[in-house]
Amino acid sequence: MPNFFFPITWLLPTFEGDVCGNDLVLIHRRKWEVPIFDLYSLLAERHPIRVPPELMKVYLQSVNLEFETAAADFPEAADRIDAYRAMLYLRGTCPTVAPFGCNTSLNAYAGINARSSGHQATMHEGMREGITHATARVETWSHELSFACIVGAPGQFVRDMGEGVANGAERDLAKWLTLEKETPVLRAARRALVKAPLMPDLGSSILHIWQGIEGLFPSISTEITFRTSLLLAELLVPLHPRSLTYETAKKSYSDRSKISHGSQKPVSMEHWARAWLLLRDALQAILLHGSMPSEEDLTRSLLKDD
């Protein structure tokens, strides 16, 4: 199967070298700056790049690492990277963007123009050996190019990505993909967790987040605020006191209702973070449970005598 590489914005690796868990996803530190001449030369030499060189350059300015995965095709690879990012979010990392995917590491195509022109003597020693326009074809696919990324409320998220977090998320990924096969509704919730931070409008993002939350409890059709908040409170018991989750969920559902009914009141970062963290913690709790508890099981657990 071919390998696909996804530059990831904003995360700051605190590990040396590469991180390899169980081979579902490999993490590479960025080694080299990619000059704009390299990107222009890919276009000039008719490499199948689908992202404008200028836009690639803009995104690469914020990239410190990239994720690699082997897959049958680009859509499968992109979905796995989305799932891996969801597992990182469960471990506290800030929302990130994977603006495009490539069949070649950015560490490999950095310097391709100079190498192809025979100017190795002027290059950094570590860049002198590598691919040229004659020996490789660099192919890119756009993934997440249009967004207004929500960096997050101070103290809620972390940008540092250590080796422990990387390997832990890798282990979680294998468990989560199994859970998605067993309970397909979890895929929609996971996609909402990853995609909501990329939406340009905070209100629309909150509605998308709540689609993910409500999808976890598909049979609720009446007393939605009360019942959803109650079930979330029980689901999140491994992470938070029931009373805290219950009050948070009620407030967030109220935010959602006001937005969906056309309220003109400003939507703040606090409103967004309240909803997104609820969904994040719900997925974390499901991972801890090892399954998605049924609404009946959650209700019986609530009524259980201590």
C-alpha atoms as a PDB file:
ATOM      1  CA  MET A   1       0.000   0.000   0.000  1.00  0.00           C
ATOM      2  CA  PRO A   2       1.213   3.523  -0.691  1.00  0.00           C
ATOM      3  CA  ASN A   3       2.214   5.889   2.108  1.00  0.00           C
ATOM      4  CA  PHE A   4       0.634   9.309   2.566  1.00  0.00           C
ATOM      5  CA  PHE A   5       2.115  12.258   4.468  1.00  0.00           C
ATOM      6  CA  PHE A   6       0.078  15.013   6.151  1.00  0.00           C
ATOM      7  CA  PRO A   7       1.760  18.220   7.380  1.00  0.00           C
ATOM      8  CA  ILE A   8       0.113  19.211  10.689  1.00  0.00           C
ATOM      9  CA  THR A   9      -0.113  22.834  11.779  1.00  0.00           C
ATOM     10  CA  TRP A  10       0.759  24.347  15.165  1.00  0.00           C
ATOM     11  CA  LEU A  11       1.692  21.252  17.178  1.00  0.00           C
ATOM     12  CA  LEU A  12       5.171  21.480  18.724  1.00  0.00           C
ATOM     13  CA  PRO A  13       6.941  18.111  19.035  1.00  0.00           C
ATOM     14  CA  THR A  14       8.971  17.750  22.225  1.00  0.00           C
ATOM     15  CA  PHE A  15      10.493  14.434  21.125  1.00  0.00           C
ATOM     16  CA  GLU A  16      13.622  13.781  19.072  1.00  0.00           C
ATOM     17  CA  GLY A  17      13.586  11.803  15.848  1.00  0.00           C
ATOM     18  CA  ASP A  18      10.436   9.992  14.735  1.00  0.00           C
ATOM     19  CA  VAL A  19       7.704   8.342  16.792  1.00  0.00           C
ATOM     20  CA  CYS A  20       6.356   4.959  15.736  1.00  0.00           C
ATOM     21  CA  GLY A  21       3.592   3.221  17.690  1.00  0.00           C
ATOM     22  CA  ASN A  22       1.960   0.171  16.110  1.00  0.00           C
ATOM     23  CA  ASP A  23       2.537   1.441  12.556  1.00  0.00           C
ATOM     24  CA  LEU A  24      -0.974   2.829  12.006  1.00  0.00           C
ATOM     25  CA  VAL A  25       0.486   6.333  12.107  1.00  0.00           C
ATOM     26  CA  LEU A  26       4.118   7.458  12.132  1.00  0.00           C
ATOM     27  CA  ILE A  27       5.090  10.945  13.315  1.00  0.00           C
ATOM     28  CA  HIS A  28       8.040  12.779  11.785  1.00  0.00           C
ATOM     29  CA  ARG A  29       9.654  15.980  13.012  1.00  0.00           C
ATOM     30  CA  ARG A  30      10.153  18.590  10.345  1.00  0.00           C
ATOM     31  CA  LYS A  31      13.854  18.824   9.492  1.00  0.00           C
ATOM     32  CA  TRP A  32      14.136  21.400   6.732  1.00  0.00           C
ATOM     33  CA  GLU A  33      12.655  24.637   5.467  1.00  0.00           C
ATOM     34  CA  VAL A  34      10.952  24.167   2.080  1.00  0.00           C
ATOM     35  CA  PRO A  35      11.932  27.125  -0.153  1.00  0.00           C
ATOM     36  CA  ILE A  36       9.209  28.532  -2.367  1.00  0.00           C
ATOM     37  CA  PHE A  37      11.481  27.694  -5.322  1.00  0.00           C
ATOM     38  CA  ASP A  38      11.054  23.999  -4.501  1.00  0.00           C
ATOM     39  CA  LEU A  39       7.278  24.358  -4.621  1.00  0.00           C
ATOM     40  CA  TYR A  40       7.314  26.401  -7.829  1.00  0.00           C
ATOM     41  CA  SER A  41       9.621  23.856  -9.418  1.00  0.00           C
ATOM     42  CA  LEU A  42       7.133  21.066  -8.620  1.00  0.00           C
ATOM     43  CA  LEU A  43       4.544  22.987 -10.613  1.00  0.00           C
ATOM     44  CA  ALA A  44       6.971  23.837 -13.426  1.00  0.00           C
ATOM     45  CA  GLU A  45       8.062  20.212 -13.766  1.00  0.00           C
ATOM     46  CA  ARG A  46       4.428  19.097 -13.911  1.00  0.00           C
ATOM     47  CA  HIS A  47       4.310  17.090 -10.711  1.00  0.00           C
ATOM     48  CA  PRO A  48       0.639  16.257  -9.981  1.00  0.00           C
ATOM     49  CA  ILE A  49       0.197  18.804  -7.188  1.00  0.00           C
ATOM     50  CA  ARG A  50      -3.387  19.947  -6.601  1.00  0.00           C
ATOM     51  CA  VAL A  51      -2.582  22.733  -4.145  1.00  0.00           C
ATOM     52  CA  PRO A  52      -1.175  26.114  -5.287  1.00  0.00           C
ATOM     53  CA  PRO A  53       2.506  26.455  -4.299  1.00  0.00           C
ATOM     54  CA  GLU A  54       1.826  29.805  -2.606  1.00  0.00           C
ATOM     55  CA  LEU A  55      -0.842  28.232  -0.396  1.00  0.00           C
ATOM     56  CA  MET A  56       1.393  25.275   0.454  1.00  0.00           C
ATOM     57  CA  LYS A  57       4.059  27.737   1.547  1.00  0.00           C
ATOM     58  CA  VAL A  58       1.621  29.637   3.773  1.00  0.00           C
ATOM     59  CA  TYR A  59       0.537  26.480   5.571  1.00  0.00           C
ATOM     60  CA  LEU A  60       4.037  25.039   5.868  1.00  0.00           C
ATOM     61  CA  GLN A  61       5.092  28.130   7.843  1.00  0.00           C
ATOM     62  CA  SER A  62       3.083  26.716  10.790  1.00  0.00           C
ATOM     63  CA  VAL A  63       4.131  23.073  10.374  1.00  0.00           C
ATOM     64  CA  ASN A  64       6.593  21.432  12.765  1.00  0.00           C
ATOM     65  CA  LEU A  65       5.715  17.795  12.158  1.00  0.00           C
ATOM     66  CA  GLU A  66       3.865  15.510   9.775  1.00  0.00           C
ATOM     67  CA  PHE A  67       1.856  12.305  10.124  1.00  0.00           C
ATOM     68  CA  GLU A  68       2.453   9.329   7.844  1.00  0.00           C
ATOM     69  CA  THR A  69       0.093   6.428   7.230  1.00  0.00           C
ATOM     70  CA  ALA A  70      -0.168   3.608   4.695  1.00  0.00           C
ATOM     71  CA  ALA A  71      -3.563   3.200   3.028  1.00  0.00           C
ATOM     72  CA  ALA A  72      -5.214   1.921  -0.125  1.00  0.00           C
ATOM     73  CA  ASP A  73      -5.981   5.455  -1.298  1.00  0.00           C
ATOM     74  CA  PHE A  74      -5.998   9.087  -0.183  1.00  0.00           C
ATOM     75  CA  PRO A  75      -9.570   9.138   1.244  1.00  0.00           C
ATOM     76  CA  GLU A  76      -8.764   6.168   3.491  1.00  0.00           C
ATOM     77  CA  ALA A  77      -5.525   7.814   4.621  1.00  0.00           C
ATOM     78  CA  ALA A  78      -7.260  11.143   5.313  1.00  0.00           C
ATOM     79  CA  ASP A  79      -9.957   9.459   7.383  1.00  0.00           C
ATOM     80  CA  ARG A  80      -7.364   7.628   9.480  1.00  0.00           C
ATOM     81  CA  ILE A  81      -5.465  10.844  10.127  1.00  0.00           C
ATOM     82  CA  ASP A  82      -8.737  12.491  11.176  1.00  0.00           C
ATOM     83  CA  ALA A  83      -9.334   9.632  13.612  1.00  0.00           C
ATOM     84  CA  TYR A  84      -5.800   9.940  14.978  1.00  0.00           C
ATOM     85  CA  ARG A  85      -6.261  13.654  15.550  1.00  0.00           C
ATOM     86  CA  ALA A  86      -9.444  12.874  17.468  1.00  0.00           C
ATOM     87  CA  MET A  87      -7.400  10.603  19.733  1.00  0.00           C
ATOM     88  CA  LEU A  88      -4.870  13.411  20.241  1.00  0.00           C
ATOM     89  CA  TYR A  89      -7.695  15.786  21.189  1.00  0.00           C
ATOM     90  CA  LEU A  90      -8.861  13.279  23.807  1.00  0.00           C
ATOM     91  CA  ARG A  91      -5.409  13.682  25.344  1.00  0.00           C
ATOM     92  CA  GLY A  92      -5.666  17.466  25.542  1.00  0.00           C
ATOM     93  CA  THR A  93      -3.921  18.706  22.400  1.00  0.00           C
ATOM     94  CA  CYS A  94      -5.292  21.773  20.645  1.00  0.00           C
ATOM     95  CA  PRO A  95      -7.321  21.482  17.411  1.00  0.00           C
ATOM     96  CA  THR A  96      -5.039  21.319  14.393  1.00  0.00           C
ATOM     97  CA  VAL A  97      -5.282  21.425  10.620  1.00  0.00           C
ATOM     98  CA  ALA A  98      -4.045  18.934   8.036  1.00  0.00           C
ATOM     99  CA  PRO A  99      -4.250  21.273   5.020  1.00  0.00           C
ATOM    100  CA  PHE A 100      -3.089  18.759   2.418  1.00  0.00           C
ATOM    101  CA  GLY A 101      -1.731  15.277   1.955  1.00  0.00           C
ATOM    102  CA  CYS A 102       1.226  14.176  -0.116  1.00  0.00           C
ATOM    103  CA  ASN A 103       2.799  10.967  -1.364  1.00  0.00           C
ATOM    104  CA  THR A 104       6.208  12.306  -0.260  1.00  0.00           C
ATOM    105  CA  SER A 105       7.499  13.650   3.042  1.00  0.00           C
ATOM    106  CA  LEU A 106       8.171  17.383   3.192  1.00  0.00           C
ATOM    107  CA  ASN A 107      11.632  16.422   4.470  1.00  0.00           C
ATOM    108  CA  ALA A 108      12.162  14.634   1.139  1.00  0.00           C
ATOM    109  CA  TYR A 109      10.992  17.307  -1.299  1.00  0.00           C
ATOM    110  CA  ALA A 110      12.743  20.102   0.601  1.00  0.00           C
ATOM    111  CA  GLY A 111      15.727  20.993  -1.602  1.00  0.00           C
ATOM    112  CA  ILE A 112      14.422  19.189  -4.690  1.00  0.00           C
ATOM    113  CA  ASN A 113      15.025  22.238  -6.906  1.00  0.00           C
ATOM    114  CA  ALA A 114      18.678  22.691  -5.903  1.00  0.00           C
ATOM    115  CA  ARG A 115      19.428  18.960  -6.146  1.00  0.00           C
ATOM    116  CA  SER A 116      17.809  18.780  -9.569  1.00  0.00           C
ATOM    117  CA  SER A 117      19.942  21.750 -10.683  1.00  0.00           C
ATOM    118  CA  GLY A 118      23.174  20.171  -9.444  1.00  0.00           C
ATOM    119  CA  HIS A 119      23.747  22.733  -6.674  1.00  0.00           C
ATOM    120  CA  GLN A 120      24.341  20.238  -3.852  1.00  0.00           C
ATOM    121  CA  ALA A 121      27.606  21.942  -2.883  1.00  0.00           C
ATOM    122  CA  THR A 122      25.680  25.013  -1.687  1.00  0.00           C
ATOM    123  CA  MET A 123      23.192  23.001   0.370  1.00  0.00           C
ATOM    124  CA  HIS A 124      23.190  21.854   3.978  1.00  0.00           C
ATOM    125  CA  GLU A 125      25.021  18.539   4.201  1.00  0.00           C
ATOM    126  CA  GLY A 126      21.884  16.673   5.284  1.00  0.00           C
ATOM    127  CA  MET A 127      19.966  17.825   2.199  1.00  0.00           C
ATOM    128  CA  ARG A 128      22.487  16.967  -0.489  1.00  0.00           C
ATOM    129  CA  GLU A 129      21.202  13.427  -0.981  1.00  0.00           C
ATOM    130  CA  GLY A 130      17.577  12.928  -1.927  1.00  0.00           C
ATOM    131  CA  ILE A 131      14.946  12.948  -4.610  1.00  0.00           C
ATOM    132  CA  THR A 132      15.123  15.061  -7.766  1.00  0.00           C
ATOM    133  CA  HIS A 133      12.583  15.871 -10.458  1.00  0.00           C
ATOM    134  CA  ALA A 134      14.035  13.012 -12.484  1.00  0.00           C
ATOM    135  CA  THR A 135      13.804  10.375  -9.747  1.00  0.00           C
ATOM    136  CA  ALA A 136      10.424  11.049  -8.103  1.00  0.00           C
ATOM    137  CA  ARG A 137       6.943  12.418  -8.749  1.00  0.00           C
ATOM    138  CA  VAL A 138       5.492  14.447  -5.885  1.00  0.00           C
ATOM    139  CA  GLU A 139       1.694  14.302  -5.703  1.00  0.00           C
ATOM    140  CA  THR A 140      -0.523  16.344  -3.373  1.00  0.00           C
ATOM    141  CA  TRP A 141      -4.212  16.357  -2.467  1.00  0.00           C
ATOM    142  CA  SER A 142      -6.047  19.205  -0.751  1.00  0.00           C
ATOM    143  CA  HIS A 143      -7.672  18.298   2.562  1.00  0.00           C
ATOM    144  CA  GLU A 144      -8.545  21.258   4.822  1.00  0.00           C
ATOM    145  CA  LEU A 145      -7.763  24.489   3.074  1.00  0.00           C
ATOM    146  CA  SER A 146     -10.630  26.796   4.067  1.00  0.00           C
ATOM    147  CA  PHE A 147     -11.321  27.405   7.754  1.00  0.00           C
ATOM    148  CA  ALA A 148     -11.060  29.820  10.636  1.00  0.00           C
ATOM    149  CA  CYS A 149      -9.242  27.640  13.150  1.00  0.00           C
ATOM    150  CA  ILE A 150     -10.235  27.929  16.775  1.00  0.00           C
ATOM    151  CA  VAL A 151      -7.063  27.906  18.821  1.00  0.00           C
ATOM    152  CA  GLY A 152      -8.978  27.540  22.049  1.00  0.00           C
ATOM    153  CA  ALA A 153      -9.440  29.147  25.404  1.00  0.00           C
ATOM    154  CA  PRO A 154      -6.226  29.629  27.413  1.00  0.00           C
ATOM    155  CA  GLY A 155      -5.545  26.658  29.632  1.00  0.00           C
ATOM    156  CA  GLN A 156      -7.985  24.361  27.842  1.00  0.00           C
ATOM    157  CA  PHE A 157      -5.601  22.977  25.241  1.00  0.00           C
ATOM    158  CA  VAL A 158      -1.889  22.355  24.913  1.00  0.00           C
ATOM    159  CA  ARG A 159       0.285  22.764  21.840  1.00  0.00           C
ATOM    160  CA  ASP A 160       3.220  20.662  23.012  1.00  0.00           C
ATOM    161  CA  MET A 161       3.100  17.119  21.678  1.00  0.00           C
ATOM    162  CA  GLY A 162       5.405  14.743  23.530  1.00  0.00           C
ATOM    163  CA  GLU A 163       6.342  11.199  22.622  1.00  0.00           C
ATOM    164  CA  GLY A 164       4.105   9.825  25.383  1.00  0.00           C
ATOM    165  CA  VAL A 165       1.065  11.615  23.973  1.00  0.00           C
ATOM    166  CA  ALA A 166       1.914  10.497  20.435  1.00  0.00           C
ATOM    167  CA  ASN A 167       2.276   6.837  21.403  1.00  0.00           C
ATOM    168  CA  GLY A 168      -0.762   6.957  23.693  1.00  0.00           C
ATOM    169  CA  ALA A 169      -2.945   8.338  20.913  1.00  0.00           C
ATOM    170  CA  GLU A 170      -1.602   5.609  18.626  1.00  0.00           C
ATOM    171  CA  ARG A 171      -2.736   2.935  21.089  1.00  0.00           C
ATOM    172  CA  ASP A 172      -6.095   4.662  21.457  1.00  0.00           C
ATOM    173  CA  LEU A 173      -6.493   4.773  17.663  1.00  0.00           C
ATOM    174  CA  ALA A 174      -6.454   0.985  17.327  1.00  0.00           C
ATOM    175  CA  LYS A 175      -9.097   0.683  20.068  1.00  0.00           C
ATOM    176  CA  TRP A 176     -11.222   3.474  18.601  1.00  0.00           C
ATOM    177  CA  LEU A 177     -11.290   2.076  15.067  1.00  0.00           C
ATOM    178  CA  THR A 178     -12.547  -1.204  16.536  1.00  0.00           C
ATOM    179  CA  LEU A 179     -15.246   0.658  18.469  1.00  0.00           C
ATOM    180  CA  GLU A 180     -16.339   2.467  15.292  1.00  0.00           C
ATOM    181  CA  LYS A 181     -16.778  -0.870  13.523  1.00  0.00           C
ATOM    182  CA  GLU A 182     -18.861  -2.177  16.416  1.00  0.00           C
ATOM    183  CA  THR A 183     -20.896   1.052  16.805  1.00  0.00           C
ATOM    184  CA  PRO A 184     -20.938   3.003  13.509  1.00  0.00           C
ATOM    185  CA  VAL A 185     -22.603   6.065  15.087  1.00  0.00           C
ATOM    186  CA  LEU A 186     -19.285   6.788  16.814  1.00  0.00           C
ATOM    187  CA  ARG A 187     -17.733   7.681  13.480  1.00  0.00           C
ATOM    188  CA  ALA A 188     -20.108  10.623  13.084  1.00  0.00           C
ATOM    189  CA  ALA A 189     -19.277  11.845  16.595  1.00  0.00           C
ATOM    190  CA  ARG A 190     -15.555  11.518  15.943  1.00  0.00           C
ATOM    191  CA  ARG A 191     -15.816  13.388  12.653  1.00  0.00           C
ATOM    192  CA  ALA A 192     -17.730  16.174  14.378  1.00  0.00           C
ATOM    193  CA  LEU A 193     -14.943  16.454  16.957  1.00  0.00           C
ATOM    194  CA  VAL A 194     -12.312  16.846  14.233  1.00  0.00           C
ATOM    195  CA  LYS A 195     -14.244  18.965  11.739  1.00  0.00           C
ATOM    196  CA  ALA A 196     -16.013  21.406  14.066  1.00  0.00           C
ATOM    197  CA  PRO A 197     -12.836  23.397  14.902  1.00  0.00           C
ATOM    198  CA  LEU A 198     -12.328  24.031  11.185  1.00  0.00           C
ATOM    199  CA  MET A 199     -15.648  25.753  10.575  1.00  0.00           C
ATOM    200  CA  PRO A 200     -15.414  29.513  10.075  1.00  0.00           C
ATOM    201  CA  ASP A 201     -18.549  30.352  12.084  1.00  0.00           C
ATOM    202  CA  LEU A 202     -18.651  29.637  15.834  1.00  0.00           C
ATOM    203  CA  GLY A 203     -22.416  29.179  15.882  1.00  0.00           C
ATOM    204  CA  SER A 204     -22.402  26.715  12.996  1.00  0.00           C
ATOM    205  CA  SER A 205     -19.538  24.891  14.655  1.00  0.00           C
ATOM    206  CA  ILE A 206     -21.516  24.511  17.893  1.00  0.00           C
ATOM    207  CA  LEU A 207     -24.490  23.093  15.966  1.00  0.00           C
ATOM    208  CA  HIS A 208     -22.170  20.595  14.288  1.00  0.00           C
ATOM    209  CA  ILE A 209     -20.698  19.599  17.648  1.00  0.00           C
ATOM    210  CA  TRP A 210     -24.171  18.986  19.049  1.00  0.00           C
ATOM    211  CA  GLN A 211     -25.038  16.826  16.052  1.00  0.00           C
ATOM    212  CA  GLY A 212     -22.172  14.615  17.206  1.00  0.00           C
ATOM    213  CA  ILE A 213     -23.361  14.601  20.828  1.00  0.00           C
ATOM    214  CA  GLU A 214     -27.036  13.960  20.031  1.00  0.00           C
ATOM    215  CA  GLY A 215     -26.042  11.172  17.661  1.00  0.00           C
ATOM    216  CA  LEU A 216     -24.768   9.238  20.672  1.00  0.00           C
ATOM    217  CA  PHE A 217     -28.331   9.081  22.046  1.00  0.00           C
ATOM    218  CA  PRO A 218     -30.514   8.509  18.965  1.00  0.00           C
ATOM    219  CA  SER A 219     -33.715   7.460  20.769  1.00  0.00           C
ATOM    220  CA  ILE A 220     -34.165  10.729  22.693  1.00  0.00           C
ATOM    221  CA  SER A 221     -37.022  12.720  21.169  1.00  0.00           C
ATOM    222  CA  THR A 222     -38.667  14.385  24.176  1.00  0.00           C
ATOM    223  CA  GLU A 223     -37.283  16.345  27.135  1.00  0.00           C
ATOM    224  CA  ILE A 224     -34.092  16.510  25.115  1.00  0.00           C
ATOM    225  CA  THR A 225     -32.189  18.962  27.311  1.00  0.00           C
ATOM    226  CA  PHE A 226     -32.930  17.089  30.534  1.00  0.00           C
ATOM    227  CA  ARG A 227     -32.400  13.560  29.229  1.00  0.00           C
ATOM    228  CA  THR A 228     -29.296  14.302  27.163  1.00  0.00           C
ATOM    229  CA  SER A 229     -27.683  16.190  30.049  1.00  0.00           C
ATOM    230  CA  LEU A 230     -28.519  13.363  32.439  1.00  0.00           C
ATOM    231  CA  LEU A 231     -27.088  10.648  30.184  1.00  0.00           C
ATOM    232  CA  LEU A 232     -23.960  12.706  29.516  1.00  0.00           C
ATOM    233  CA  ALA A 233     -23.536  13.159  33.264  1.00  0.00           C
ATOM    234  CA  GLU A 234     -23.511   9.389  33.740  1.00  0.00           C
ATOM    235  CA  LEU A 235     -21.367   8.684  30.675  1.00  0.00           C
ATOM    236  CA  LEU A 236     -18.683  11.128  31.836  1.00  0.00           C
ATOM    237  CA  VAL A 237     -18.495   9.786  35.407  1.00  0.00           C
ATOM    238  CA  PRO A 238     -14.930   8.471  34.832  1.00  0.00           C
ATOM    239  CA  LEU A 239     -13.852  12.060  34.088  1.00  0.00           C
ATOM    240  CA  HIS A 240     -16.094  14.516  35.949  1.00  0.00           C
ATOM    241  CA  PRO A 241     -18.662  14.642  38.775  1.00  0.00           C
ATOM    242  CA  ARG A 242     -22.210  14.083  37.519  1.00  0.00           C
ATOM    243  CA  SER A 243     -23.438  17.441  38.785  1.00  0.00           C
ATOM    244  CA  LEU A 244     -20.705  19.343  36.921  1.00  0.00           C
ATOM    245  CA  THR A 245     -21.363  17.581  33.604  1.00  0.00           C
ATOM    246  CA  TYR A 246     -25.129  17.957  34.010  1.00  0.00           C
ATOM    247  CA  GLU A 247     -24.952  21.727  34.509  1.00  0.00           C
ATOM    248  CA  THR A 248     -22.409  22.164  31.714  1.00  0.00           C
ATOM    249  CA  ALA A 249     -24.501  20.128  29.281  1.00  0.00           C
ATOM    250  CA  LYS A 250     -27.656  22.096  30.113  1.00  0.00           C
ATOM    251  CA  LYS A 251     -25.865  25.395  29.490  1.00  0.00           C
ATOM    252  CA  SER A 252     -24.363  24.175  26.243  1.00  0.00           C
ATOM    253  CA  TYR A 253     -27.667  22.783  24.961  1.00  0.00           C
ATOM    254  CA  SER A 254     -29.204  26.155  25.737  1.00  0.00           C
ATOM    255  CA  ASP A 255     -26.465  27.771  23.618  1.00  0.00           C
ATOM    256  CA  ARG A 256     -27.267  25.328  20.829  1.00  0.00           C
ATOM    257  CA  SER A 257     -30.995  26.042  21.004  1.00  0.00           C
ATOM    258  CA  LYS A 258     -30.527  29.806  20.855  1.00  0.00           C
ATOM    259  CA  ILE A 259     -28.270  29.477  17.813  1.00  0.00           C
ATOM    260  CA  SER A 260     -30.601  27.089  15.997  1.00  0.00           C
ATOM    261  CA  HIS A 261     -33.560  29.420  16.618  1.00  0.00           C
ATOM    262  CA  GLY A 262     -31.779  32.415  15.132  1.00  0.00           C
ATOM    263  CA  SER A 263     -30.658  34.286  18.229  1.00  0.00           C
ATOM    264  CA  GLN A 264     -28.590  37.344  17.360  1.00  0.00           C
ATOM    265  CA  LYS A 265     -26.658  37.293  20.635  1.00  0.00           C
ATOM    266  CA  PRO A 266     -22.881  37.005  20.108  1.00  0.00           C
ATOM    267  CA  VAL A 267     -21.405  33.516  20.321  1.00  0.00           C
ATOM    268  CA  SER A 268     -18.155  33.509  22.265  1.00  0.00           C
ATOM    269  CA  MET A 269     -15.154  31.240  22.479  1.00  0.00           C
ATOM    270  CA  GLU A 270     -16.439  30.204  25.903  1.00  0.00           C
ATOM    271  CA  HIS A 271     -19.659  28.892  24.338  1.00  0.00           C
ATOM    272  CA  TRP A 272     -17.712  26.993  21.686  1.00  0.00           C
ATOM    273  CA  ALA A 273     -15.213  25.468  24.105  1.00  0.00           C
ATOM    274  CA  ARG A 274     -18.028  24.334  26.415  1.00  0.00           C
ATOM    275  CA  ALA A 275     -19.640  22.333  23.607  1.00  0.00           C
ATOM    276  CA  TRP A 276     -16.439  20.975  22.039  1.00  0.00           C
ATOM    277  CA  LEU A 277     -15.022  19.833  25.377  1.00  0.00           C
ATOM    278  CA  LEU A 278     -18.289  18.044  26.149  1.00  0.00           C
ATOM    279  CA  LEU A 279     -17.995  16.065  22.907  1.00  0.00           C
ATOM    280  CA  ARG A 280     -14.291  15.461  23.465  1.00  0.00           C
ATOM    281  CA  ASP A 281     -14.873  14.165  26.979  1.00  0.00           C
ATOM    282  CA  ALA A 282     -17.775  11.992  25.816  1.00  0.00           C
ATOM    283  CA  LEU A 283     -15.485  10.229  23.326  1.00  0.00           C
ATOM    284  CA  GLN A 284     -12.789   9.923  25.977  1.00  0.00           C
ATOM    285  CA  ALA A 285     -15.305   8.323  28.351  1.00  0.00           C
ATOM    286  CA  ILE A 286     -16.436   5.886  25.645  1.00  0.00           C
ATOM    287  CA  LEU A 287     -12.813   4.906  25.135  1.00  0.00           C
ATOM    288  CA  LEU A 288     -12.437   4.339  28.890  1.00  0.00           C
ATOM    289  CA  HIS A 289     -15.647   2.285  29.001  1.00  0.00           C
ATOM    290  CA  GLY A 290     -14.411   0.207  26.073  1.00  0.00           C
ATOM    291  CA  SER A 291     -17.797   0.584  24.362  1.00  0.00           C
ATOM    292  CA  MET A 292     -20.703   2.974  23.917  1.00  0.00           C
ATOM    293  CA  PRO A 293     -23.067   2.219  26.819  1.00  0.00           C
ATOM    294  CA  SER A 294     -26.715   2.012  25.791  1.00  0.00           C
ATOM    295  CA  GLU A 295     -29.171   4.621  27.018  1.00  0.00           C
ATOM    296  CA  GLU A 296     -30.813   1.865  29.075  1.00  0.00           C
ATOM    297  CA  ASP A 297     -27.497   0.958  30.724  1.00  0.00           C
ATOM    298  CA  LEU A 298     -26.732   4.588  31.527  1.00  0.00           C
ATOM    299  CA  THR A 299     -30.189   5.116  33.004  1.00  0.00           C
ATOM    300  CA  ARG A 300     -29.961   1.980  35.158  1.00  0.00           C
ATOM    301  CA  SER A 301     -26.517   3.041  36.327  1.00  0.00           C
ATOM    302  CA  LEU A 302     -27.956   6.416  37.374  1.00  0.00           C
ATOM    303  CA  LEU A 303     -30.657   4.677  39.411  1.00  0.00           C
ATOM    304  CA  LYS A 304     -28.341   2.158  40.993  1.00  0.00           C
ATOM    305  CA  ASP A 305     -28.148   2.271  44.784  1.00  0.00           C
ATOM    306  CA  ASP A 306     -24.674   3.174  46.056  1.00  0.00           C
END
